[in-house]
Amino acid sequence: MSREFPLAYPWRLNLEAVARSSGVHPDVVMRFVELDLIRPLGDAPGGPWFSPGVPGLIARVLRLHSELSLNYAAIPLVLDLLVRVDLLERRLVEITQVEGTA
């Protein structure tokens, strides 16, 4: 009888893993760090280390830059606005659910 183990995602990714997952060169990842578009988790030995969500963030940055022709200075503002829109949409769903049950 074999045991089944649930998939475990790594809690942090190194530079090469982020670059490979994102489909970009590691220099591009470090350039995004310099531009403060992504932030490493800290200066742990063997780093820089990144959260598992960073490849998705890099994909979003690349999409904003290439498809909408946004410069890298405007992208943090757009990302912040997208997070705020997402929070407001979640809040609206919560309010709608509460009003629907009342």
PDB file of N, CA and C in Angstrom:
ATOM      1  N   MET A   1       0.840  -1.175   0.000  1.00  0.00           N
ATOM      2  CA  MET A   1       0.000   0.000   0.000  1.00  0.00           C
ATOM      3  C   MET A   1       0.884   1.236   0.000  1.00  0.00           C
ATOM      4  N   SER A   2       0.663   2.103  -0.962  1.00  0.00           N
ATOM      5  CA  SER A   2       1.481   3.309  -1.048  1.00  0.00           C
ATOM      6  C   SER A   2       0.802   4.451  -0.302  1.00  0.00           C
ATOM      7  N   ARG A   3       1.633   5.305   0.232  1.00  0.00           N
ATOM      8  CA  ARG A   3       1.111   6.490   0.924  1.00  0.00           C
ATOM      9  C   ARG A   3       1.064   7.640  -0.057  1.00  0.00           C
ATOM     10  N   GLU A   4       0.060   8.457   0.067  1.00  0.00           N
ATOM     11  CA  GLU A   4      -0.044   9.647  -0.777  1.00  0.00           C
ATOM     12  C   GLU A   4       0.361  10.863   0.026  1.00  0.00           C
ATOM     13  N   PHE A   5       1.156  11.695  -0.598  1.00  0.00           N
ATOM     14  CA  PHE A   5       1.595  12.918   0.045  1.00  0.00           C
ATOM     15  C   PHE A   5       1.052  14.103  -0.737  1.00  0.00           C
ATOM     16  N   PRO A   6       0.496  15.064  -0.060  1.00  0.00           N
ATOM     17  CA  PRO A   6      -0.001  16.242  -0.779  1.00  0.00           C
ATOM     18  C   PRO A   6       1.160  17.013  -1.385  1.00  0.00           C
ATOM     19  N   LEU A   7       0.874  17.699  -2.485  1.00  0.00           N
ATOM     20  CA  LEU A   7       1.898  18.527  -3.100  1.00  0.00           C
ATOM     21  C   LEU A   7       2.304  19.641  -2.154  1.00  0.00           C
ATOM     22  N   ALA A   8       3.553  19.865  -2.082  1.00  0.00           N
ATOM     23  CA  ALA A   8       4.058  20.944  -1.232  1.00  0.00           C
ATOM     24  C   ALA A   8       4.787  21.940  -2.114  1.00  0.00           C
ATOM     25  N   TYR A   9       4.371  23.156  -2.058  1.00  0.00           N
ATOM     26  CA  TYR A   9       5.030  24.205  -2.809  1.00  0.00           C
ATOM     27  C   TYR A   9       6.152  24.784  -1.964  1.00  0.00           C
ATOM     28  N   PRO A  10       7.240  25.160  -2.592  1.00  0.00           N
ATOM     29  CA  PRO A  10       8.332  25.739  -1.801  1.00  0.00           C
ATOM     30  C   PRO A  10       7.908  27.078  -1.215  1.00  0.00           C
ATOM     31  N   TRP A  11       8.415  27.376  -0.047  1.00  0.00           N
ATOM     32  CA  TRP A  11       8.028  28.638   0.590  1.00  0.00           C
ATOM     33  C   TRP A  11       8.876  29.797   0.099  1.00  0.00           C
ATOM     34  N   ARG A  12       9.961  29.462  -0.638  1.00  0.00           N
ATOM     35  CA  ARG A  12      10.760  30.510  -1.254  1.00  0.00           C
ATOM     36  C   ARG A  12      11.463  29.932  -2.478  1.00  0.00           C
ATOM     37  N   LEU A  13      11.792  30.827  -3.414  1.00  0.00           N
ATOM     38  CA  LEU A  13      12.446  30.429  -4.653  1.00  0.00           C
ATOM     39  C   LEU A  13      13.763  31.178  -4.777  1.00  0.00           C
ATOM     40  N   ASN A  14      14.761  30.496  -5.328  1.00  0.00           N
ATOM     41  CA  ASN A  14      16.023  31.202  -5.573  1.00  0.00           C
ATOM     42  C   ASN A  14      15.946  31.923  -6.917  1.00  0.00           C
ATOM     43  N   LEU A  15      16.996  32.654  -7.238  1.00  0.00           N
ATOM     44  CA  LEU A  15      17.006  33.486  -8.450  1.00  0.00           C
ATOM     45  C   LEU A  15      16.795  32.647  -9.699  1.00  0.00           C
ATOM     46  N   GLU A  16      17.467  31.528  -9.800  1.00  0.00           N
ATOM     47  CA  GLU A  16      17.355  30.687 -10.990  1.00  0.00           C
ATOM     48  C   GLU A  16      15.952  30.114 -11.128  1.00  0.00           C
ATOM     49  N   ALA A  17      15.353  29.719 -10.029  1.00  0.00           N
ATOM     50  CA  ALA A  17      13.996  29.166 -10.087  1.00  0.00           C
ATOM     51  C   ALA A  17      12.988  30.231 -10.519  1.00  0.00           C
ATOM     52  N   VAL A  18      13.167  31.441 -10.023  1.00  0.00           N
ATOM     53  CA  VAL A  18      12.269  32.541 -10.422  1.00  0.00           C
ATOM     54  C   VAL A  18      12.434  32.834 -11.903  1.00  0.00           C
ATOM     55  N   ALA A  19      13.695  32.890 -12.360  1.00  0.00           N
ATOM     56  CA  ALA A  19      13.948  33.179 -13.778  1.00  0.00           C
ATOM     57  C   ALA A  19      13.377  32.076 -14.660  1.00  0.00           C
ATOM     58  N   ARG A  20      13.594  30.828 -14.277  1.00  0.00           N
ATOM     59  CA  ARG A  20      13.098  29.706 -15.068  1.00  0.00           C
ATOM     60  C   ARG A  20      11.568  29.691 -15.087  1.00  0.00           C
ATOM     61  N   SER A  21      10.939  29.928 -13.935  1.00  0.00           N
ATOM     62  CA  SER A  21       9.473  29.939 -13.860  1.00  0.00           C
ATOM     63  C   SER A  21       8.863  31.093 -14.644  1.00  0.00           C
ATOM     64  N   SER A  22       9.599  32.185 -14.717  1.00  0.00           N
ATOM     65  CA  SER A  22       9.095  33.374 -15.401  1.00  0.00           C
ATOM     66  C   SER A  22       9.433  33.388 -16.877  1.00  0.00           C
ATOM     67  N   GLY A  23      10.385  32.577 -17.290  1.00  0.00           N
ATOM     68  CA  GLY A  23      10.801  32.563 -18.684  1.00  0.00           C
ATOM     69  C   GLY A  23      11.666  33.749 -19.051  1.00  0.00           C
ATOM     70  N   VAL A  24      12.383  34.283 -18.079  1.00  0.00           N
ATOM     71  CA  VAL A  24      13.274  35.419 -18.337  1.00  0.00           C
ATOM     72  C   VAL A  24      14.669  35.074 -17.845  1.00  0.00           C
ATOM     73  N   HIS A  25      15.641  35.876 -18.254  1.00  0.00           N
ATOM     74  CA  HIS A  25      17.020  35.694 -17.810  1.00  0.00           C
ATOM     75  C   HIS A  25      17.144  36.177 -16.355  1.00  0.00           C
ATOM     76  N   PRO A  26      18.025  35.566 -15.568  1.00  0.00           N
ATOM     77  CA  PRO A  26      18.217  36.051 -14.181  1.00  0.00           C
ATOM     78  C   PRO A  26      18.594  37.528 -14.102  1.00  0.00           C
ATOM     79  N   ASP A  27      19.268  38.058 -15.118  1.00  0.00           N
ATOM     80  CA  ASP A  27      19.592  39.493 -15.108  1.00  0.00           C
ATOM     81  C   ASP A  27      18.328  40.349 -15.155  1.00  0.00           C
ATOM     82  N   VAL A  28      17.308  39.867 -15.838  1.00  0.00           N
ATOM     83  CA  VAL A  28      16.038  40.607 -15.889  1.00  0.00           C
ATOM     84  C   VAL A  28      15.397  40.621 -14.501  1.00  0.00           C
ATOM     85  N   VAL A  29      15.470  39.496 -13.808  1.00  0.00           N
ATOM     86  CA  VAL A  29      14.910  39.440 -12.443  1.00  0.00           C
ATOM     87  C   VAL A  29      15.637  40.439 -11.548  1.00  0.00           C
ATOM     88  N   MET A  30      16.973  40.452 -11.630  1.00  0.00           N
ATOM     89  CA  MET A  30      17.726  41.378 -10.780  1.00  0.00           C
ATOM     90  C   MET A  30      17.489  42.837 -11.191  1.00  0.00           C
ATOM     91  N   ARG A  31      17.249  43.066 -12.473  1.00  0.00           N
ATOM     92  CA  ARG A  31      16.923  44.436 -12.919  1.00  0.00           C
ATOM     93  C   ARG A  31      15.586  44.876 -12.315  1.00  0.00           C
ATOM     94  N   PHE A  32      14.620  43.962 -12.257  1.00  0.00           N
ATOM     95  CA  PHE A  32      13.331  44.286 -11.644  1.00  0.00           C
ATOM     96  C   PHE A  32      13.493  44.546 -10.148  1.00  0.00           C
ATOM     97  N   VAL A  33      14.445  43.851  -9.516  1.00  0.00           N
ATOM     98  CA  VAL A  33      14.724  44.126  -8.099  1.00  0.00           C
ATOM     99  C   VAL A  33      15.291  45.537  -7.959  1.00  0.00           C
ATOM    100  N   GLU A  34      16.229  45.898  -8.841  1.00  0.00           N
ATOM    101  CA  GLU A  34      16.825  47.238  -8.795  1.00  0.00           C
ATOM    102  C   GLU A  34      15.769  48.321  -9.017  1.00  0.00           C
ATOM    103  N   LEU A  35      14.782  48.035  -9.869  1.00  0.00           N
ATOM    104  CA  LEU A  35      13.717  49.003 -10.147  1.00  0.00           C
ATOM    105  C   LEU A  35      12.617  48.970  -9.082  1.00  0.00           C
ATOM    106  N   ASP A  36      12.775  48.105  -8.078  1.00  0.00           N
ATOM    107  CA  ASP A  36      11.813  47.961  -6.976  1.00  0.00           C
ATOM    108  C   ASP A  36      10.449  47.463  -7.473  1.00  0.00           C
ATOM    109  N   LEU A  37      10.458  46.716  -8.561  1.00  0.00           N
ATOM    110  CA  LEU A  37       9.226  46.110  -9.055  1.00  0.00           C
ATOM    111  C   LEU A  37       8.933  44.812  -8.311  1.00  0.00           C
ATOM    112  N   ILE A  38       9.979  44.112  -7.906  1.00  0.00           N
ATOM    113  CA  ILE A  38       9.843  42.927  -7.069  1.00  0.00           C
ATOM    114  C   ILE A  38      10.833  43.055  -5.926  1.00  0.00           C
ATOM    115  N   ARG A  39      10.500  42.408  -4.817  1.00  0.00           N
ATOM    116  CA  ARG A  39      11.375  42.509  -3.646  1.00  0.00           C
ATOM    117  C   ARG A  39      11.769  41.114  -3.179  1.00  0.00           C
ATOM    118  N   PRO A  40      13.060  40.910  -2.938  1.00  0.00           N
ATOM    119  CA  PRO A  40      13.473  39.631  -2.369  1.00  0.00           C
ATOM    120  C   PRO A  40      13.006  39.529  -0.919  1.00  0.00           C
ATOM    121  N   LEU A  41      13.003  38.305  -0.405  1.00  0.00           N
ATOM    122  CA  LEU A  41      12.534  38.080   0.956  1.00  0.00           C
ATOM    123  C   LEU A  41      13.546  38.561   1.989  1.00  0.00           C
ATOM    124  N   GLY A  42      14.796  38.664   1.626  1.00  0.00           N
ATOM    125  CA  GLY A  42      15.807  39.099   2.570  1.00  0.00           C
ATOM    126  C   GLY A  42      17.166  38.632   2.119  1.00  0.00           C
ATOM    127  N   ASP A  43      18.135  38.821   2.975  1.00  0.00           N
ATOM    128  CA  ASP A  43      19.506  38.441   2.633  1.00  0.00           C
ATOM    129  C   ASP A  43      19.896  37.160   3.345  1.00  0.00           C
ATOM    130  N   ALA A  44      19.141  36.117   3.151  1.00  0.00           N
ATOM    131  CA  ALA A  44      19.501  34.834   3.727  1.00  0.00           C
ATOM    132  C   ALA A  44      20.666  34.252   2.930  1.00  0.00           C
ATOM    133  N   PRO A  45      21.456  33.410   3.549  1.00  0.00           N
ATOM    134  CA  PRO A  45      22.572  32.800   2.807  1.00  0.00           C
ATOM    135  C   PRO A  45      22.081  32.063   1.568  1.00  0.00           C
ATOM    136  N   GLY A  46      22.853  32.189   0.492  1.00  0.00           N
ATOM    137  CA  GLY A  46      22.478  31.533  -0.761  1.00  0.00           C
ATOM    138  C   GLY A  46      21.459  32.304  -1.553  1.00  0.00           C
ATOM    139  N   GLY A  47      21.099  33.499  -1.106  1.00  0.00           N
ATOM    140  CA  GLY A  47      20.043  34.285  -1.741  1.00  0.00           C
ATOM    141  C   GLY A  47      20.502  35.034  -2.940  1.00  0.00           C
ATOM    142  N   PRO A  48      19.715  35.828  -3.558  1.00  0.00           N
ATOM    143  CA  PRO A  48      18.439  36.321  -3.039  1.00  0.00           C
ATOM    144  C   PRO A  48      17.342  35.268  -3.172  1.00  0.00           C
ATOM    145  N   TRP A  49      16.393  35.336  -2.232  1.00  0.00           N
ATOM    146  CA  TRP A  49      15.252  34.437  -2.205  1.00  0.00           C
ATOM    147  C   TRP A  49      13.988  35.246  -2.458  1.00  0.00           C
ATOM    148  N   PHE A  50      13.034  34.592  -3.121  1.00  0.00           N
ATOM    149  CA  PHE A  50      11.799  35.277  -3.495  1.00  0.00           C
ATOM    150  C   PHE A  50      10.600  34.436  -3.074  1.00  0.00           C
ATOM    151  N   SER A  51       9.468  35.094  -2.884  1.00  0.00           N
ATOM    152  CA  SER A  51       8.240  34.369  -2.558  1.00  0.00           C
ATOM    153  C   SER A  51       7.756  33.625  -3.804  1.00  0.00           C
ATOM    154  N   PRO A  52       6.981  32.565  -3.634  1.00  0.00           N
ATOM    155  CA  PRO A  52       6.496  31.800  -4.789  1.00  0.00           C
ATOM    156  C   PRO A  52       5.587  32.604  -5.719  1.00  0.00           C
ATOM    157  N   GLY A  53       5.070  33.741  -5.283  1.00  0.00           N
ATOM    158  CA  GLY A  53       4.210  34.554  -6.133  1.00  0.00           C
ATOM    159  C   GLY A  53       4.961  35.475  -7.086  1.00  0.00           C
ATOM    160  N   VAL A  54       6.281  35.535  -6.953  1.00  0.00           N
ATOM    161  CA  VAL A  54       7.063  36.469  -7.771  1.00  0.00           C
ATOM    162  C   VAL A  54       6.999  36.146  -9.266  1.00  0.00           C
ATOM    163  N   PRO A  55       7.051  34.874  -9.704  1.00  0.00           N
ATOM    164  CA  PRO A  55       6.918  34.639 -11.157  1.00  0.00           C
ATOM    165  C   PRO A  55       5.611  35.194 -11.728  1.00  0.00           C
ATOM    166  N   GLY A  56       4.534  35.101 -10.994  1.00  0.00           N
ATOM    167  CA  GLY A  56       3.274  35.688 -11.452  1.00  0.00           C
ATOM    168  C   GLY A  56       3.349  37.193 -11.531  1.00  0.00           C
ATOM    169  N   LEU A  57       4.020  37.795 -10.563  1.00  0.00           N
ATOM    170  CA  LEU A  57       4.203  39.249 -10.575  1.00  0.00           C
ATOM    171  C   LEU A  57       5.068  39.679 -11.754  1.00  0.00           C
ATOM    172  N   ILE A  58       6.118  38.915 -12.049  1.00  0.00           N
ATOM    173  CA  ILE A  58       6.972  39.235 -13.201  1.00  0.00           C
ATOM    174  C   ILE A  58       6.162  39.143 -14.493  1.00  0.00           C
ATOM    175  N   ALA A  59       5.317  38.139 -14.592  1.00  0.00           N
ATOM    176  CA  ALA A  59       4.474  38.008 -15.793  1.00  0.00           C
ATOM    177  C   ALA A  59       3.558  39.214 -15.934  1.00  0.00           C
ATOM    178  N   ARG A  60       3.020  39.681 -14.812  1.00  0.00           N
ATOM    179  CA  ARG A  60       2.136  40.857 -14.854  1.00  0.00           C
ATOM    180  C   ARG A  60       2.908  42.108 -15.254  1.00  0.00           C
ATOM    181  N   VAL A  61       4.124  42.266 -14.726  1.00  0.00           N
ATOM    182  CA  VAL A  61       4.965  43.423 -15.077  1.00  0.00           C
ATOM    183  C   VAL A  61       5.299  43.392 -16.566  1.00  0.00           C
ATOM    184  N   LEU A  62       5.682  42.215 -17.066  1.00  0.00           N
ATOM    185  CA  LEU A  62       6.027  42.109 -18.485  1.00  0.00           C
ATOM    186  C   LEU A  62       4.816  42.416 -19.363  1.00  0.00           C
ATOM    187  N   ARG A  63       3.648  41.950 -18.936  1.00  0.00           N
ATOM    188  CA  ARG A  63       2.429  42.202 -19.712  1.00  0.00           C
ATOM    189  C   ARG A  63       2.092  43.698 -19.721  1.00  0.00           C
ATOM    190  N   LEU A  64       2.180  44.337 -18.561  1.00  0.00           N
ATOM    191  CA  LEU A  64       1.898  45.775 -18.505  1.00  0.00           C
ATOM    192  C   LEU A  64       2.875  46.563 -19.366  1.00  0.00           C
ATOM    193  N   HIS A  65       4.144  46.138 -19.360  1.00  0.00           N
ATOM    194  CA  HIS A  65       5.161  46.852 -20.135  1.00  0.00           C
ATOM    195  C   HIS A  65       4.994  46.623 -21.635  1.00  0.00           C
ATOM    196  N   SER A  66       4.744  45.401 -22.034  1.00  0.00           N
ATOM    197  CA  SER A  66       4.719  45.105 -23.468  1.00  0.00           C
ATOM    198  C   SER A  66       3.366  45.393 -24.109  1.00  0.00           C
ATOM    199  N   GLU A  67       2.274  45.039 -23.434  1.00  0.00           N
ATOM    200  CA  GLU A  67       0.957  45.186 -24.056  1.00  0.00           C
ATOM    201  C   GLU A  67       0.360  46.574 -23.876  1.00  0.00           C
ATOM    202  N   LEU A  68       0.638  47.201 -22.758  1.00  0.00           N
ATOM    203  CA  LEU A  68       0.077  48.531 -22.516  1.00  0.00           C
ATOM    204  C   LEU A  68       1.111  49.637 -22.663  1.00  0.00           C
ATOM    205  N   SER A  69       2.350  49.247 -22.990  1.00  0.00           N
ATOM    206  CA  SER A  69       3.432  50.209 -23.208  1.00  0.00           C
ATOM    207  C   SER A  69       3.661  51.122 -22.012  1.00  0.00           C
ATOM    208  N   LEU A  70       3.467  50.574 -20.815  1.00  0.00           N
ATOM    209  CA  LEU A  70       3.746  51.355 -19.609  1.00  0.00           C
ATOM    210  C   LEU A  70       5.236  51.320 -19.336  1.00  0.00           C
ATOM    211  N   ASN A  71       5.791  52.435 -18.885  1.00  0.00           N
ATOM    212  CA  ASN A  71       7.192  52.407 -18.499  1.00  0.00           C
ATOM    213  C   ASN A  71       7.306  51.827 -17.094  1.00  0.00           C
ATOM    214  N   TYR A  72       8.529  51.442 -16.738  1.00  0.00           N
ATOM    215  CA  TYR A  72       8.718  50.752 -15.463  1.00  0.00           C
ATOM    216  C   TYR A  72       8.439  51.646 -14.261  1.00  0.00           C
ATOM    217  N   ALA A  73       8.477  52.948 -14.439  1.00  0.00           N
ATOM    218  CA  ALA A  73       8.166  53.855 -13.327  1.00  0.00           C
ATOM    219  C   ALA A  73       6.672  53.867 -13.022  1.00  0.00           C
ATOM    220  N   ALA A  74       5.837  53.643 -14.026  1.00  0.00           N
ATOM    221  CA  ALA A  74       4.387  53.681 -13.823  1.00  0.00           C
ATOM    222  C   ALA A  74       3.825  52.340 -13.347  1.00  0.00           C
ATOM    223  N   ILE A  75       4.554  51.270 -13.559  1.00  0.00           N
ATOM    224  CA  ILE A  75       4.029  49.941 -13.254  1.00  0.00           C
ATOM    225  C   ILE A  75       3.725  49.745 -11.769  1.00  0.00           C
ATOM    226  N   PRO A  76       4.578  50.193 -10.817  1.00  0.00           N
ATOM    227  CA  PRO A  76       4.197  50.022  -9.399  1.00  0.00           C
ATOM    228  C   PRO A  76       2.873  50.694  -9.045  1.00  0.00           C
ATOM    229  N   LEU A  77       2.611  51.855  -9.612  1.00  0.00           N
ATOM    230  CA  LEU A  77       1.341  52.545  -9.358  1.00  0.00           C
ATOM    231  C   LEU A  77       0.175  51.710  -9.880  1.00  0.00           C
ATOM    232  N   VAL A  78       0.309  51.182 -11.088  1.00  0.00           N
ATOM    233  CA  VAL A  78      -0.759  50.369 -11.677  1.00  0.00           C
ATOM    234  C   VAL A  78      -0.968  49.095 -10.849  1.00  0.00           C
ATOM    235  N   LEU A  79       0.136  48.468 -10.421  1.00  0.00           N
ATOM    236  CA  LEU A  79       0.006  47.255  -9.605  1.00  0.00           C
ATOM    237  C   LEU A  79      -0.704  47.559  -8.293  1.00  0.00           C
ATOM    238  N   ASP A  80      -0.366  48.696  -7.676  1.00  0.00           N
ATOM    239  CA  ASP A  80      -1.033  49.083  -6.434  1.00  0.00           C
ATOM    240  C   ASP A  80      -2.518  49.323  -6.668  1.00  0.00           C
ATOM    241  N   LEU A  81      -2.860  49.976  -7.751  1.00  0.00           N
ATOM    242  CA  LEU A  81      -4.270  50.221  -8.064  1.00  0.00           C
ATOM    243  C   LEU A  81      -5.015  48.912  -8.330  1.00  0.00           C
ATOM    244  N   LEU A  82      -4.367  47.962  -9.003  1.00  0.00           N
ATOM    245  CA  LEU A  82      -5.003  46.671  -9.257  1.00  0.00           C
ATOM    246  C   LEU A  82      -5.274  45.922  -7.957  1.00  0.00           C
ATOM    247  N   VAL A  83      -4.353  46.013  -6.994  1.00  0.00           N
ATOM    248  CA  VAL A  83      -4.570  45.375  -5.689  1.00  0.00           C
ATOM    249  C   VAL A  83      -5.762  46.022  -4.987  1.00  0.00           C
ATOM    250  N   ARG A  84      -5.833  47.348  -5.048  1.00  0.00           N
ATOM    251  CA  ARG A  84      -6.947  48.054  -4.404  1.00  0.00           C
ATOM    252  C   ARG A  84      -8.288  47.714  -5.061  1.00  0.00           C
ATOM    253  N   VAL A  85      -8.307  47.609  -6.376  1.00  0.00           N
ATOM    254  CA  VAL A  85      -9.535  47.226  -7.081  1.00  0.00           C
ATOM    255  C   VAL A  85      -9.959  45.820  -6.655  1.00  0.00           C
ATOM    256  N   ASP A  86      -8.981  44.915  -6.555  1.00  0.00           N
ATOM    257  CA  ASP A  86      -9.285  43.546  -6.139  1.00  0.00           C
ATOM    258  C   ASP A  86      -9.877  43.522  -4.730  1.00  0.00           C
ATOM    259  N   LEU A  87      -9.291  44.300  -3.817  1.00  0.00           N
ATOM    260  CA  LEU A  87      -9.822  44.362  -2.449  1.00  0.00           C
ATOM    261  C   LEU A  87     -11.246  44.918  -2.431  1.00  0.00           C
ATOM    262  N   LEU A  88     -11.482  45.959  -3.207  1.00  0.00           N
ATOM    263  CA  LEU A  88     -12.822  46.552  -3.248  1.00  0.00           C
ATOM    264  C   LEU A  88     -13.843  45.587  -3.849  1.00  0.00           C
ATOM    265  N   GLU A  89     -13.424  44.825  -4.860  1.00  0.00           N
ATOM    266  CA  GLU A  89     -14.340  43.845  -5.452  1.00  0.00           C
ATOM    267  C   GLU A  89     -14.684  42.750  -4.445  1.00  0.00           C
ATOM    268  N   ARG A  90     -13.684  42.311  -3.679  1.00  0.00           N
ATOM    269  CA  ARG A  90     -13.956  41.301  -2.647  1.00  0.00           C
ATOM    270  C   ARG A  90     -14.904  41.847  -1.589  1.00  0.00           C
ATOM    271  N   ARG A  91     -14.680  43.081  -1.194  1.00  0.00           N
ATOM    272  CA  ARG A  91     -15.543  43.717  -0.192  1.00  0.00           C
ATOM    273  C   ARG A  91     -16.971  43.845  -0.718  1.00  0.00           C
ATOM    274  N   LEU A  92     -17.120  44.180  -1.989  1.00  0.00           N
ATOM    275  CA  LEU A  92     -18.442  44.297  -2.591  1.00  0.00           C
ATOM    276  C   LEU A  92     -19.152  42.945  -2.589  1.00  0.00           C
ATOM    277  N   VAL A  93     -18.433  41.881  -2.879  1.00  0.00           N
ATOM    278  CA  VAL A  93     -19.026  40.537  -2.851  1.00  0.00           C
ATOM    279  C   VAL A  93     -19.475  40.197  -1.433  1.00  0.00           C
ATOM    280  N   GLU A  94     -18.644  40.529  -0.437  1.00  0.00           N
ATOM    281  CA  GLU A  94     -19.007  40.261   0.956  1.00  0.00           C
ATOM    282  C   GLU A  94     -20.272  41.026   1.335  1.00  0.00           C
ATOM    283  N   ILE A  95     -20.351  42.290   0.976  1.00  0.00           N
ATOM    284  CA  ILE A  95     -21.519  43.108   1.315  1.00  0.00           C
ATOM    285  C   ILE A  95     -22.760  42.560   0.619  1.00  0.00           C
ATOM    286  N   THR A  96     -22.609  42.167  -0.634  1.00  0.00           N
ATOM    287  CA  THR A  96     -23.739  41.615  -1.385  1.00  0.00           C
ATOM    288  C   THR A  96     -24.232  40.322  -0.746  1.00  0.00           C
ATOM    289  N   GLN A  97     -23.300  39.488  -0.264  1.00  0.00           N
ATOM    290  CA  GLN A  97     -23.691  38.236   0.379  1.00  0.00           C
ATOM    291  C   GLN A  97     -24.407  38.493   1.696  1.00  0.00           C
ATOM    292  N   VAL A  98     -23.927  39.467   2.473  1.00  0.00           N
ATOM    293  CA  VAL A  98     -24.566  39.787   3.752  1.00  0.00           C
ATOM    294  C   VAL A  98     -25.966  40.352   3.512  1.00  0.00           C
ATOM    295  N   GLU A  99     -26.108  41.234   2.547  1.00  0.00           N
ATOM    296  CA  GLU A  99     -27.418  41.811   2.252  1.00  0.00           C
ATOM    297  C   GLU A  99     -28.368  40.765   1.680  1.00  0.00           C
ATOM    298  N   GLY A 100     -27.827  39.780   0.975  1.00  0.00           N
ATOM    299  CA  GLY A 100     -28.665  38.732   0.408  1.00  0.00           C
ATOM    300  C   GLY A 100     -29.219  37.791   1.455  1.00  0.00           C
ATOM    301  N   THR A 101     -28.496  37.623   2.565  1.00  0.00           N
ATOM    302  CA  THR A 101     -28.955  36.726   3.624  1.00  0.00           C
ATOM    303  C   THR A 101     -29.827  37.445   4.633  1.00  0.00           C
ATOM    304  N   ALA A 102     -29.789  38.779   4.665  1.00  0.00           N
ATOM    305  CA  ALA A 102     -30.567  39.534   5.661  1.00  0.00           C
ATOM    306  C   ALA A 102     -32.012  39.676   5.242  1.00  0.00           C
TER     307      ALA A 102
END
